[in-house]
Amino acid sequence: MIVVSNRIPVAPGQEASFAERFRSRAGLVEGHNGFVRLEILKPTQVTMHGRVMGRSAYHVVLTYWKRAEDFVAWTDSEDFRTAHADRPPPEMFAGDNVFELHDIIQSAEPHSR
C-alpha cells in the first residue's frame, strides 16, 4: 500500500475557506480502483511539557492506495480533471505545495484488552 501526501501551505486567514473547499468537494476519488481512503489534516498545536508544539505551516491531504499505479491512473482520469478544475484563488496559499509518495512499511493498531 502507498500513501500520497500533499502538504499545502495555507495563507493565514484562509484556513476556513480552504476547509470549506474540501467539505464541498466532488467526492470522485472514492470510486477509483485501488483507492483506500482520504484524510484531510489541519495543523493543530498542543502544549506538552510546558512548550507549545505541533503548529505546522501545512495542511496535509493524504490519500491511501493499493498501488502507485492506481494513484497514477486516478491522476490520468477525467474524474481527476473534474475534481481539480475549479482552482482556488492564489491568495489562499502561502507557497507551493509539497507532493510526496511513500510505501507503507509498517502500520499498527491498538492491542485488544
PDB file of N, CA and C in Angstrom:
ATOM      1  N   MET A   1       0.851  -1.171   0.000  1.00  0.00           N
ATOM      2  CA  MET A   1       0.000   0.000   0.000  1.00  0.00           C
ATOM      3  C   MET A   1       0.897   1.234   0.000  1.00  0.00           C
ATOM      4  N   ILE A   2       0.385   2.314  -0.615  1.00  0.00           N
ATOM      5  CA  ILE A   2       1.110   3.578  -0.641  1.00  0.00           C
ATOM      6  C   ILE A   2       0.236   4.674  -0.046  1.00  0.00           C
ATOM      7  N   VAL A   3       0.890   5.743   0.362  1.00  0.00           N
ATOM      8  CA  VAL A   3       0.178   6.943   0.781  1.00  0.00           C
ATOM      9  C   VAL A   3       0.769   8.116   0.017  1.00  0.00           C
ATOM     10  N   VAL A   4      -0.127   8.939  -0.524  1.00  0.00           N
ATOM     11  CA  VAL A   4       0.259  10.157  -1.228  1.00  0.00           C
ATOM     12  C   VAL A   4      -0.054  11.318  -0.303  1.00  0.00           C
ATOM     13  N   SER A   5       0.943  12.157  -0.109  1.00  0.00           N
ATOM     14  CA  SER A   5       0.814  13.311   0.767  1.00  0.00           C
ATOM     15  C   SER A   5       0.988  14.582  -0.043  1.00  0.00           C
ATOM     16  N   ASN A   6       0.036  15.486   0.083  1.00  0.00           N
ATOM     17  CA  ASN A   6       0.173  16.836  -0.448  1.00  0.00           C
ATOM     18  C   ASN A   6       0.155  17.782   0.740  1.00  0.00           C
ATOM     19  N   ARG A   7       1.321  18.351   1.045  1.00  0.00           N
ATOM     20  CA  ARG A   7       1.429  19.321   2.139  1.00  0.00           C
ATOM     21  C   ARG A   7       1.220  20.702   1.538  1.00  0.00           C
ATOM     22  N   ILE A   8       0.186  21.393   2.032  1.00  0.00           N
ATOM     23  CA  ILE A   8      -0.274  22.633   1.414  1.00  0.00           C
ATOM     24  C   ILE A   8      -0.147  23.793   2.398  1.00  0.00           C
ATOM     25  N   PRO A   9       0.671  24.801   2.065  1.00  0.00           N
ATOM     26  CA  PRO A   9       0.806  25.963   2.950  1.00  0.00           C
ATOM     27  C   PRO A   9      -0.357  26.931   2.733  1.00  0.00           C
ATOM     28  N   VAL A  10      -1.312  26.895   3.632  1.00  0.00           N
ATOM     29  CA  VAL A  10      -2.493  27.747   3.536  1.00  0.00           C
ATOM     30  C   VAL A  10      -2.150  29.105   4.152  1.00  0.00           C
ATOM     31  N   ALA A  11      -2.483  30.181   3.443  1.00  0.00           N
ATOM     32  CA  ALA A  11      -2.184  31.530   3.912  1.00  0.00           C
ATOM     33  C   ALA A  11      -2.986  31.847   5.182  1.00  0.00           C
ATOM     34  N   PRO A  12      -2.388  32.586   6.104  1.00  0.00           N
ATOM     35  CA  PRO A  12      -3.124  32.997   7.309  1.00  0.00           C
ATOM     36  C   PRO A  12      -4.426  33.704   6.938  1.00  0.00           C
ATOM     37  N   GLY A  13      -5.489  33.340   7.621  1.00  0.00           N
ATOM     38  CA  GLY A  13      -6.807  33.903   7.357  1.00  0.00           C
ATOM     39  C   GLY A  13      -7.604  33.151   6.300  1.00  0.00           C
ATOM     40  N   GLN A  14      -6.979  32.202   5.602  1.00  0.00           N
ATOM     41  CA  GLN A  14      -7.639  31.436   4.548  1.00  0.00           C
ATOM     42  C   GLN A  14      -8.023  30.018   4.993  1.00  0.00           C
ATOM     43  N   GLU A  15      -7.759  29.688   6.261  1.00  0.00           N
ATOM     44  CA  GLU A  15      -7.968  28.322   6.744  1.00  0.00           C
ATOM     45  C   GLU A  15      -9.418  27.863   6.602  1.00  0.00           C
ATOM     46  N   ALA A  16     -10.385  28.695   6.969  1.00  0.00           N
ATOM     47  CA  ALA A  16     -11.800  28.305   6.893  1.00  0.00           C
ATOM     48  C   ALA A  16     -12.234  28.098   5.438  1.00  0.00           C
ATOM     49  N   SER A  17     -11.799  28.960   4.546  1.00  0.00           N
ATOM     50  CA  SER A  17     -12.137  28.814   3.120  1.00  0.00           C
ATOM     51  C   SER A  17     -11.524  27.546   2.545  1.00  0.00           C
ATOM     52  N   PHE A  18     -10.289  27.256   2.944  1.00  0.00           N
ATOM     53  CA  PHE A  18      -9.624  26.042   2.484  1.00  0.00           C
ATOM     54  C   PHE A  18     -10.394  24.805   2.954  1.00  0.00           C
ATOM     55  N   ALA A  19     -10.758  24.776   4.231  1.00  0.00           N
ATOM     56  CA  ALA A  19     -11.505  23.639   4.778  1.00  0.00           C
ATOM     57  C   ALA A  19     -12.856  23.479   4.080  1.00  0.00           C
ATOM     58  N   GLU A  20     -13.525  24.576   3.791  1.00  0.00           N
ATOM     59  CA  GLU A  20     -14.833  24.512   3.127  1.00  0.00           C
ATOM     60  C   GLU A  20     -14.719  23.923   1.726  1.00  0.00           C
ATOM     61  N   ARG A  21     -13.640  24.217   1.022  1.00  0.00           N
ATOM     62  CA  ARG A  21     -13.442  23.632  -0.313  1.00  0.00           C
ATOM     63  C   ARG A  21     -13.432  22.114  -0.230  1.00  0.00           C
ATOM     64  N   PHE A  22     -12.817  21.567   0.809  1.00  0.00           N
ATOM     65  CA  PHE A  22     -12.775  20.108   0.943  1.00  0.00           C
ATOM     66  C   PHE A  22     -14.099  19.549   1.437  1.00  0.00           C
ATOM     67  N   ARG A  23     -14.805  20.275   2.304  1.00  0.00           N
ATOM     68  CA  ARG A  23     -16.122  19.798   2.755  1.00  0.00           C
ATOM     69  C   ARG A  23     -17.101  19.705   1.584  1.00  0.00           C
ATOM     70  N   SER A  24     -16.936  20.578   0.590  1.00  0.00           N
ATOM     71  CA  SER A  24     -17.867  20.586  -0.541  1.00  0.00           C
ATOM     72  C   SER A  24     -17.256  19.978  -1.803  1.00  0.00           C
ATOM     73  N   ARG A  25     -16.232  19.156  -1.634  1.00  0.00           N
ATOM     74  CA  ARG A  25     -15.554  18.562  -2.795  1.00  0.00           C
ATOM     75  C   ARG A  25     -16.479  17.592  -3.530  1.00  0.00           C
ATOM     76  N   ALA A  26     -16.108  17.247  -4.741  1.00  0.00           N
ATOM     77  CA  ALA A  26     -16.954  16.420  -5.609  1.00  0.00           C
ATOM     78  C   ALA A  26     -17.072  14.969  -5.139  1.00  0.00           C
ATOM     79  N   GLY A  27     -16.086  14.449  -4.426  1.00  0.00           N
ATOM     80  CA  GLY A  27     -16.149  13.064  -3.949  1.00  0.00           C
ATOM     81  C   GLY A  27     -15.922  12.030  -5.035  1.00  0.00           C
ATOM     82  N   LEU A  28     -15.168  12.383  -6.060  1.00  0.00           N
ATOM     83  CA  LEU A  28     -14.974  11.486  -7.202  1.00  0.00           C
ATOM     84  C   LEU A  28     -13.906  10.422  -6.972  1.00  0.00           C
ATOM     85  N   VAL A  29     -12.922  10.705  -6.143  1.00  0.00           N
ATOM     86  CA  VAL A  29     -11.807   9.768  -5.959  1.00  0.00           C
ATOM     87  C   VAL A  29     -12.275   8.439  -5.364  1.00  0.00           C
ATOM     88  N   GLU A  30     -13.326   8.472  -4.558  1.00  0.00           N
ATOM     89  CA  GLU A  30     -13.780   7.287  -3.842  1.00  0.00           C
ATOM     90  C   GLU A  30     -14.169   6.125  -4.746  1.00  0.00           C
ATOM     91  N   GLY A  31     -14.504   6.400  -5.986  1.00  0.00           N
ATOM     92  CA  GLY A  31     -14.922   5.349  -6.899  1.00  0.00           C
ATOM     93  C   GLY A  31     -13.807   4.744  -7.732  1.00  0.00           C
ATOM     94  N   HIS A  32     -12.573   5.170  -7.504  1.00  0.00           N
ATOM     95  CA  HIS A  32     -11.477   4.704  -8.364  1.00  0.00           C
ATOM     96  C   HIS A  32     -10.798   3.447  -7.832  1.00  0.00           C
ATOM     97  N   ASN A  33     -10.418   2.585  -8.782  1.00  0.00           N
ATOM     98  CA  ASN A  33      -9.736   1.331  -8.451  1.00  0.00           C
ATOM     99  C   ASN A  33      -8.512   1.602  -7.595  1.00  0.00           C
ATOM    100  N   GLY A  34      -8.375   0.825  -6.543  1.00  0.00           N
ATOM    101  CA  GLY A  34      -7.206   0.906  -5.689  1.00  0.00           C
ATOM    102  C   GLY A  34      -7.273   1.962  -4.614  1.00  0.00           C
ATOM    103  N   PHE A  35      -8.276   2.822  -4.647  1.00  0.00           N
ATOM    104  CA  PHE A  35      -8.415   3.853  -3.610  1.00  0.00           C
ATOM    105  C   PHE A  35      -8.792   3.192  -2.296  1.00  0.00           C
ATOM    106  N   VAL A  36      -8.111   3.592  -1.216  1.00  0.00           N
ATOM    107  CA  VAL A  36      -8.377   3.025   0.102  1.00  0.00           C
ATOM    108  C   VAL A  36      -9.071   4.040   1.005  1.00  0.00           C
ATOM    109  N   ARG A  37      -8.475   5.237   1.155  1.00  0.00           N
ATOM    110  CA  ARG A  37      -9.119   6.267   1.978  1.00  0.00           C
ATOM    111  C   ARG A  37      -8.452   7.626   1.753  1.00  0.00           C
ATOM    112  N   LEU A  38      -9.147   8.650   2.225  1.00  0.00           N
ATOM    113  CA  LEU A  38      -8.709  10.034   2.135  1.00  0.00           C
ATOM    114  C   LEU A  38      -8.747  10.634   3.528  1.00  0.00           C
ATOM    115  N   GLU A  39      -7.743  11.409   3.868  1.00  0.00           N
ATOM    116  CA  GLU A  39      -7.723  12.157   5.125  1.00  0.00           C
ATOM    117  C   GLU A  39      -7.248  13.576   4.835  1.00  0.00           C
ATOM    118  N   ILE A  40      -7.919  14.555   5.423  1.00  0.00           N
ATOM    119  CA  ILE A  40      -7.512  15.950   5.326  1.00  0.00           C
ATOM    120  C   ILE A  40      -7.108  16.371   6.738  1.00  0.00           C
ATOM    121  N   LEU A  41      -5.879  16.828   6.896  1.00  0.00           N
ATOM    122  CA  LEU A  41      -5.339  17.166   8.212  1.00  0.00           C
ATOM    123  C   LEU A  41      -5.129  18.670   8.343  1.00  0.00           C
ATOM    124  N   LYS A  42      -5.613  19.215   9.447  1.00  0.00           N
ATOM    125  CA  LYS A  42      -5.446  20.634   9.758  1.00  0.00           C
ATOM    126  C   LYS A  42      -4.367  20.760  10.833  1.00  0.00           C
ATOM    127  N   PRO A  43      -3.418  21.679  10.667  1.00  0.00           N
ATOM    128  CA  PRO A  43      -2.389  21.833  11.700  1.00  0.00           C
ATOM    129  C   PRO A  43      -3.007  22.308  13.010  1.00  0.00           C
ATOM    130  N   THR A  44      -2.584  21.684  14.087  1.00  0.00           N
ATOM    131  CA  THR A  44      -3.110  21.988  15.414  1.00  0.00           C
ATOM    132  C   THR A  44      -1.954  22.012  16.401  1.00  0.00           C
ATOM    133  N   GLN A  45      -2.023  22.908  17.332  1.00  0.00           N
ATOM    134  CA  GLN A  45      -0.962  22.979  18.338  1.00  0.00           C
ATOM    135  C   GLN A  45      -1.430  22.379  19.655  1.00  0.00           C
ATOM    136  N   VAL A  46      -0.458  21.976  20.452  1.00  0.00           N
ATOM    137  CA  VAL A  46      -0.729  21.409  21.768  1.00  0.00           C
ATOM    138  C   VAL A  46       0.401  21.846  22.703  1.00  0.00           C
ATOM    139  N   THR A  47       0.056  22.030  23.964  1.00  0.00           N
ATOM    140  CA  THR A  47       1.093  22.321  24.955  1.00  0.00           C
ATOM    141  C   THR A  47       1.513  21.012  25.584  1.00  0.00           C
ATOM    142  N   MET A  48       2.805  20.716  25.470  1.00  0.00           N
ATOM    143  CA  MET A  48       3.376  19.487  26.027  1.00  0.00           C
ATOM    144  C   MET A  48       4.614  19.853  26.831  1.00  0.00           C
ATOM    145  N   HIS A  49       4.617  19.401  28.067  1.00  0.00           N
ATOM    146  CA  HIS A  49       5.794  19.607  28.913  1.00  0.00           C
ATOM    147  C   HIS A  49       6.200  21.075  28.961  1.00  0.00           C
ATOM    148  N   GLY A  50       5.193  21.948  29.018  1.00  0.00           N
ATOM    149  CA  GLY A  50       5.441  23.373  29.140  1.00  0.00           C
ATOM    150  C   GLY A  50       5.802  24.087  27.856  1.00  0.00           C
ATOM    151  N   ARG A  51       5.747  23.391  26.736  1.00  0.00           N
ATOM    152  CA  ARG A  51       6.090  24.000  25.446  1.00  0.00           C
ATOM    153  C   ARG A  51       4.923  23.861  24.469  1.00  0.00           C
ATOM    154  N   VAL A  52       4.706  24.897  23.670  1.00  0.00           N
ATOM    155  CA  VAL A  52       3.713  24.821  22.607  1.00  0.00           C
ATOM    156  C   VAL A  52       4.377  24.132  21.419  1.00  0.00           C
ATOM    157  N   MET A  53       3.742  23.070  20.942  1.00  0.00           N
ATOM    158  CA  MET A  53       4.329  22.273  19.864  1.00  0.00           C
ATOM    159  C   MET A  53       3.264  21.936  18.823  1.00  0.00           C
ATOM    160  N   GLY A  54       3.725  21.510  17.654  1.00  0.00           N
ATOM    161  CA  GLY A  54       2.850  20.943  16.646  1.00  0.00           C
ATOM    162  C   GLY A  54       2.223  21.912  15.685  1.00  0.00           C
ATOM    163  N   ARG A  55       2.538  23.173  15.768  1.00  0.00           N
ATOM    164  CA  ARG A  55       1.909  24.139  14.860  1.00  0.00           C
ATOM    165  C   ARG A  55       2.653  24.148  13.530  1.00  0.00           C
ATOM    166  N   SER A  56       2.227  23.300  12.617  1.00  0.00           N
ATOM    167  CA  SER A  56       2.832  23.183  11.299  1.00  0.00           C
ATOM    168  C   SER A  56       2.374  24.323  10.399  1.00  0.00           C
ATOM    169  N   ALA A  57       3.148  24.609   9.381  1.00  0.00           N
ATOM    170  CA  ALA A  57       2.761  25.596   8.377  1.00  0.00           C
ATOM    171  C   ALA A  57       1.884  24.977   7.289  1.00  0.00           C
ATOM    172  N   TYR A  58       1.652  23.663   7.356  1.00  0.00           N
ATOM    173  CA  TYR A  58       0.977  22.951   6.275  1.00  0.00           C
ATOM    174  C   TYR A  58      -0.305  22.258   6.714  1.00  0.00           C
ATOM    175  N   HIS A  59      -1.336  22.350   5.873  1.00  0.00           N
ATOM    176  CA  HIS A  59      -2.442  21.402   5.905  1.00  0.00           C
ATOM    177  C   HIS A  59      -1.950  20.204   5.091  1.00  0.00           C
ATOM    178  N   VAL A  60      -2.465  19.013   5.375  1.00  0.00           N
ATOM    179  CA  VAL A  60      -1.987  17.822   4.680  1.00  0.00           C
ATOM    180  C   VAL A  60      -3.180  17.054   4.131  1.00  0.00           C
ATOM    181  N   VAL A  61      -3.103  16.708   2.847  1.00  0.00           N
ATOM    182  CA  VAL A  61      -4.093  15.855   2.202  1.00  0.00           C
ATOM    183  C   VAL A  61      -3.418  14.508   1.970  1.00  0.00           C
ATOM    184  N   LEU A  62      -3.974  13.462   2.588  1.00  0.00           N
ATOM    185  CA  LEU A  62      -3.432  12.111   2.439  1.00  0.00           C
ATOM    186  C   LEU A  62      -4.425  11.253   1.685  1.00  0.00           C
ATOM    187  N   THR A  63      -3.949  10.571   0.654  1.00  0.00           N
ATOM    188  CA  THR A  63      -4.763   9.546   0.006  1.00  0.00           C
ATOM    189  C   THR A  63      -3.973   8.248   0.064  1.00  0.00           C
ATOM    190  N   TYR A  64      -4.679   7.182   0.389  1.00  0.00           N
ATOM    191  CA  TYR A  64      -4.093   5.845   0.511  1.00  0.00           C
ATOM    192  C   TYR A  64      -4.558   5.018  -0.684  1.00  0.00           C
ATOM    193  N   TRP A  65      -3.616   4.272  -1.264  1.00  0.00           N
ATOM    194  CA  TRP A  65      -3.879   3.489  -2.482  1.00  0.00           C
ATOM    195  C   TRP A  65      -3.269   2.108  -2.348  1.00  0.00           C
ATOM    196  N   LYS A  66      -3.876   1.147  -2.999  1.00  0.00           N
ATOM    197  CA  LYS A  66      -3.313  -0.208  -3.003  1.00  0.00           C
ATOM    198  C   LYS A  66      -1.962  -0.242  -3.713  1.00  0.00           C
ATOM    199  N   ARG A  67      -1.860   0.510  -4.834  1.00  0.00           N
ATOM    200  CA  ARG A  67      -0.613   0.503  -5.614  1.00  0.00           C
ATOM    201  C   ARG A  67      -0.373   1.896  -6.199  1.00  0.00           C
ATOM    202  N   ALA A  68       0.874   2.220  -6.455  1.00  0.00           N
ATOM    203  CA  ALA A  68       1.202   3.502  -7.090  1.00  0.00           C
ATOM    204  C   ALA A  68       0.518   3.627  -8.446  1.00  0.00           C
ATOM    205  N   GLU A  69       0.406   2.527  -9.166  1.00  0.00           N
ATOM    206  CA  GLU A  69      -0.238   2.546 -10.481  1.00  0.00           C
ATOM    207  C   GLU A  69      -1.704   2.977 -10.384  1.00  0.00           C
ATOM    208  N   ASP A  70      -2.365   2.632  -9.285  1.00  0.00           N
ATOM    209  CA  ASP A  70      -3.756   3.052  -9.092  1.00  0.00           C
ATOM    210  C   ASP A  70      -3.837   4.570  -8.927  1.00  0.00           C
ATOM    211  N   PHE A  71      -2.904   5.126  -8.166  1.00  0.00           N
ATOM    212  CA  PHE A  71      -2.868   6.577  -7.995  1.00  0.00           C
ATOM    213  C   PHE A  71      -2.600   7.271  -9.326  1.00  0.00           C
ATOM    214  N   VAL A  72      -1.629   6.771 -10.087  1.00  0.00           N
ATOM    215  CA  VAL A  72      -1.302   7.373 -11.382  1.00  0.00           C
ATOM    216  C   VAL A  72      -2.513   7.315 -12.314  1.00  0.00           C
ATOM    217  N   ALA A  73      -3.230   6.194 -12.306  1.00  0.00           N
ATOM    218  CA  ALA A  73      -4.434   6.077 -13.138  1.00  0.00           C
ATOM    219  C   ALA A  73      -5.472   7.128 -12.733  1.00  0.00           C
ATOM    220  N   TRP A  74      -5.623   7.366 -11.441  1.00  0.00           N
ATOM    221  CA  TRP A  74      -6.538   8.414 -10.963  1.00  0.00           C
ATOM    222  C   TRP A  74      -6.127   9.768 -11.520  1.00  0.00           C
ATOM    223  N   THR A  75      -4.837  10.083 -11.511  1.00  0.00           N
ATOM    224  CA  THR A  75      -4.388  11.395 -11.988  1.00  0.00           C
ATOM    225  C   THR A  75      -4.551  11.544 -13.498  1.00  0.00           C
ATOM    226  N   ASP A  76      -4.673  10.421 -14.211  1.00  0.00           N
ATOM    227  CA  ASP A  76      -4.896  10.457 -15.665  1.00  0.00           C
ATOM    228  C   ASP A  76      -6.379  10.435 -16.037  1.00  0.00           C
ATOM    229  N   SER A  77      -7.263  10.388 -15.041  1.00  0.00           N
ATOM    230  CA  SER A  77      -8.695  10.201 -15.311  1.00  0.00           C
ATOM    231  C   SER A  77      -9.434  11.524 -15.527  1.00  0.00           C
ATOM    232  N   GLU A  78     -10.579  11.408 -16.194  1.00  0.00           N
ATOM    233  CA  GLU A  78     -11.464  12.556 -16.369  1.00  0.00           C
ATOM    234  C   GLU A  78     -11.999  13.036 -15.017  1.00  0.00           C
ATOM    235  N   ASP A  79     -12.247  12.097 -14.080  1.00  0.00           N
ATOM    236  CA  ASP A  79     -12.702  12.479 -12.734  1.00  0.00           C
ATOM    237  C   ASP A  79     -11.670  13.360 -12.032  1.00  0.00           C
ATOM    238  N   PHE A  80     -10.390  13.052 -12.185  1.00  0.00           N
ATOM    239  CA  PHE A  80      -9.329  13.868 -11.583  1.00  0.00           C
ATOM    240  C   PHE A  80      -9.381  15.284 -12.169  1.00  0.00           C
ATOM    241  N   ARG A  81      -9.496  15.386 -13.484  1.00  0.00           N
ATOM    242  CA  ARG A  81      -9.558  16.703 -14.119  1.00  0.00           C
ATOM    243  C   ARG A  81     -10.777  17.480 -13.629  1.00  0.00           C
ATOM    244  N   THR A  82     -11.904  16.797 -13.492  1.00  0.00           N
ATOM    245  CA  THR A  82     -13.112  17.450 -12.985  1.00  0.00           C
ATOM    246  C   THR A  82     -12.924  17.897 -11.538  1.00  0.00           C
ATOM    247  N   ALA A  83     -12.354  17.032 -10.709  1.00  0.00           N
ATOM    248  CA  ALA A  83     -12.164  17.348  -9.290  1.00  0.00           C
ATOM    249  C   ALA A  83     -11.221  18.530  -9.082  1.00  0.00           C
ATOM    250  N   HIS A  84     -10.307  18.758 -10.015  1.00  0.00           N
ATOM    251  CA  HIS A  84      -9.315  19.817  -9.870  1.00  0.00           C
ATOM    252  C   HIS A  84      -9.559  21.003 -10.807  1.00  0.00           C
ATOM    253  N   ALA A  85     -10.713  21.051 -11.457  1.00  0.00           N
ATOM    254  CA  ALA A  85     -10.994  22.093 -12.453  1.00  0.00           C
ATOM    255  C   ALA A  85     -11.230  23.460 -11.826  1.00  0.00           C
ATOM    256  N   ASP A  86     -11.868  23.508 -10.674  1.00  0.00           N
ATOM    257  CA  ASP A  86     -12.196  24.778 -10.014  1.00  0.00           C
ATOM    258  C   ASP A  86     -11.027  25.177  -9.119  1.00  0.00           C
ATOM    259  N   ARG A  87     -10.025  25.800  -9.707  1.00  0.00           N
ATOM    260  CA  ARG A  87      -8.811  26.145  -8.975  1.00  0.00           C
ATOM    261  C   ARG A  87      -9.094  27.207  -7.920  1.00  0.00           C
ATOM    262  N   PRO A  88      -8.534  27.052  -6.731  1.00  0.00           N
ATOM    263  CA  PRO A  88      -8.715  28.070  -5.692  1.00  0.00           C
ATOM    264  C   PRO A  88      -7.933  29.340  -6.035  1.00  0.00           C
ATOM    265  N   PRO A  89      -8.302  30.466  -5.424  1.00  0.00           N
ATOM    266  CA  PRO A  89      -7.574  31.708  -5.701  1.00  0.00           C
ATOM    267  C   PRO A  89      -6.134  31.620  -5.173  1.00  0.00           C
ATOM    268  N   PRO A  90      -5.184  32.200  -5.870  1.00  0.00           N
ATOM    269  CA  PRO A  90      -3.775  32.105  -5.457  1.00  0.00           C
ATOM    270  C   PRO A  90      -3.521  32.646  -4.053  1.00  0.00           C
ATOM    271  N   GLU A  91      -4.311  33.627  -3.620  1.00  0.00           N
ATOM    272  CA  GLU A  91      -4.090  34.210  -2.288  1.00  0.00           C
ATOM    273  C   GLU A  91      -4.439  33.249  -1.150  1.00  0.00           C
ATOM    274  N   MET A  92      -5.042  32.091  -1.473  1.00  0.00           N
ATOM    275  CA  MET A  92      -5.336  31.093  -0.458  1.00  0.00           C
ATOM    276  C   MET A  92      -4.060  30.411   0.049  1.00  0.00           C
ATOM    277  N   PHE A  93      -2.972  30.536  -0.696  1.00  0.00           N
ATOM    278  CA  PHE A  93      -1.757  29.780  -0.385  1.00  0.00           C
ATOM    279  C   PHE A  93      -0.590  30.689  -0.026  1.00  0.00           C
ATOM    280  N   ALA A  94       0.275  30.176   0.833  1.00  0.00           N
ATOM    281  CA  ALA A  94       1.458  30.908   1.276  1.00  0.00           C
ATOM    282  C   ALA A  94       2.718  30.370   0.603  1.00  0.00           C
ATOM    283  N   GLY A  95       2.558  29.584  -0.444  1.00  0.00           N
ATOM    284  CA  GLY A  95       3.699  29.000  -1.145  1.00  0.00           C
ATOM    285  C   GLY A  95       3.250  27.786  -1.928  1.00  0.00           C
ATOM    286  N   ASP A  96       4.223  27.054  -2.445  1.00  0.00           N
ATOM    287  CA  ASP A  96       3.936  25.864  -3.234  1.00  0.00           C
ATOM    288  C   ASP A  96       3.638  24.665  -2.348  1.00  0.00           C
ATOM    289  N   ASN A  97       2.764  23.773  -2.849  1.00  0.00           N
ATOM    290  CA  ASN A  97       2.515  22.538  -2.107  1.00  0.00           C
ATOM    291  C   ASN A  97       3.703  21.587  -2.281  1.00  0.00           C
ATOM    292  N   VAL A  98       3.801  20.640  -1.378  1.00  0.00           N
ATOM    293  CA  VAL A  98       4.870  19.639  -1.410  1.00  0.00           C
ATOM    294  C   VAL A  98       4.219  18.280  -1.615  1.00  0.00           C
ATOM    295  N   PHE A  99       4.522  17.639  -2.734  1.00  0.00           N
ATOM    296  CA  PHE A  99       3.990  16.319  -3.062  1.00  0.00           C
ATOM    297  C   PHE A  99       4.975  15.258  -2.590  1.00  0.00           C
ATOM    298  N   GLU A 100       4.440  14.221  -1.939  1.00  0.00           N
ATOM    299  CA  GLU A 100       5.257  13.078  -1.521  1.00  0.00           C
ATOM    300  C   GLU A 100       4.467  11.798  -1.722  1.00  0.00           C
ATOM    301  N   LEU A 101       5.155  10.733  -2.076  1.00  0.00           N
ATOM    302  CA  LEU A 101       4.545   9.410  -2.204  1.00  0.00           C
ATOM    303  C   LEU A 101       5.410   8.445  -1.415  1.00  0.00           C
ATOM    304  N   HIS A 102       4.770   7.667  -0.548  1.00  0.00           N
ATOM    305  CA  HIS A 102       5.505   6.751   0.328  1.00  0.00           C
ATOM    306  C   HIS A 102       4.906   5.357   0.279  1.00  0.00           C
ATOM    307  N   ASP A 103       5.772   4.349   0.337  1.00  0.00           N
ATOM    308  CA  ASP A 103       5.334   2.986   0.612  1.00  0.00           C
ATOM    309  C   ASP A 103       5.119   2.873   2.112  1.00  0.00           C
ATOM    310  N   ILE A 104       4.039   2.226   2.503  1.00  0.00           N
ATOM    311  CA  ILE A 104       3.808   1.974   3.927  1.00  0.00           C
ATOM    312  C   ILE A 104       4.586   0.711   4.293  1.00  0.00           C
ATOM    313  N   ILE A 105       5.554   0.841   5.190  1.00  0.00           N
ATOM    314  CA  ILE A 105       6.345  -0.308   5.580  1.00  0.00           C
ATOM    315  C   ILE A 105       5.896  -0.915   6.901  1.00  0.00           C
ATOM    316  N   GLN A 106       5.112  -0.143   7.659  1.00  0.00           N
ATOM    317  CA  GLN A 106       4.547  -0.692   8.890  1.00  0.00           C
ATOM    318  C   GLN A 106       3.335   0.110   9.273  1.00  0.00           C
ATOM    319  N   SER A 107       2.348  -0.560   9.816  1.00  0.00           N
ATOM    320  CA  SER A 107       1.141   0.056  10.333  1.00  0.00           C
ATOM    321  C   SER A 107       0.759  -0.662  11.615  1.00  0.00           C
ATOM    322  N   ALA A 108       0.269   0.055  12.598  1.00  0.00           N
ATOM    323  CA  ALA A 108      -0.084  -0.572  13.884  1.00  0.00           C
ATOM    324  C   ALA A 108      -1.499  -0.184  14.273  1.00  0.00           C
ATOM    325  N   GLU A 109      -2.152  -1.072  14.964  1.00  0.00           N
ATOM    326  CA  GLU A 109      -3.495  -0.879  15.510  1.00  0.00           C
ATOM    327  C   GLU A 109      -3.414  -1.090  17.024  1.00  0.00           C
ATOM    328  N   PRO A 110      -4.375  -0.549  17.782  1.00  0.00           N
ATOM    329  CA  PRO A 110      -4.355  -0.777  19.235  1.00  0.00           C
ATOM    330  C   PRO A 110      -4.471  -2.258  19.573  1.00  0.00           C
ATOM    331  N   HIS A 111      -3.832  -2.647  20.655  1.00  0.00           N
ATOM    332  CA  HIS A 111      -3.967  -4.014  21.161  1.00  0.00           C
ATOM    333  C   HIS A 111      -5.357  -4.195  21.783  1.00  0.00           C
ATOM    334  N   SER A 112      -5.915  -5.386  21.678  1.00  0.00           N
ATOM    335  CA  SER A 112      -7.160  -5.704  22.371  1.00  0.00           C
ATOM    336  C   SER A 112      -6.871  -5.838  23.843  1.00  0.00           C
ATOM    337  N   ARG A 113      -7.789  -5.411  24.666  1.00  0.00           N
ATOM    338  CA  ARG A 113      -7.603  -5.542  26.131  1.00  0.00           C
ATOM    339  C   ARG A 113      -8.644  -6.454  26.699  1.00  0.00           C
TER     340      ARG A 113
END
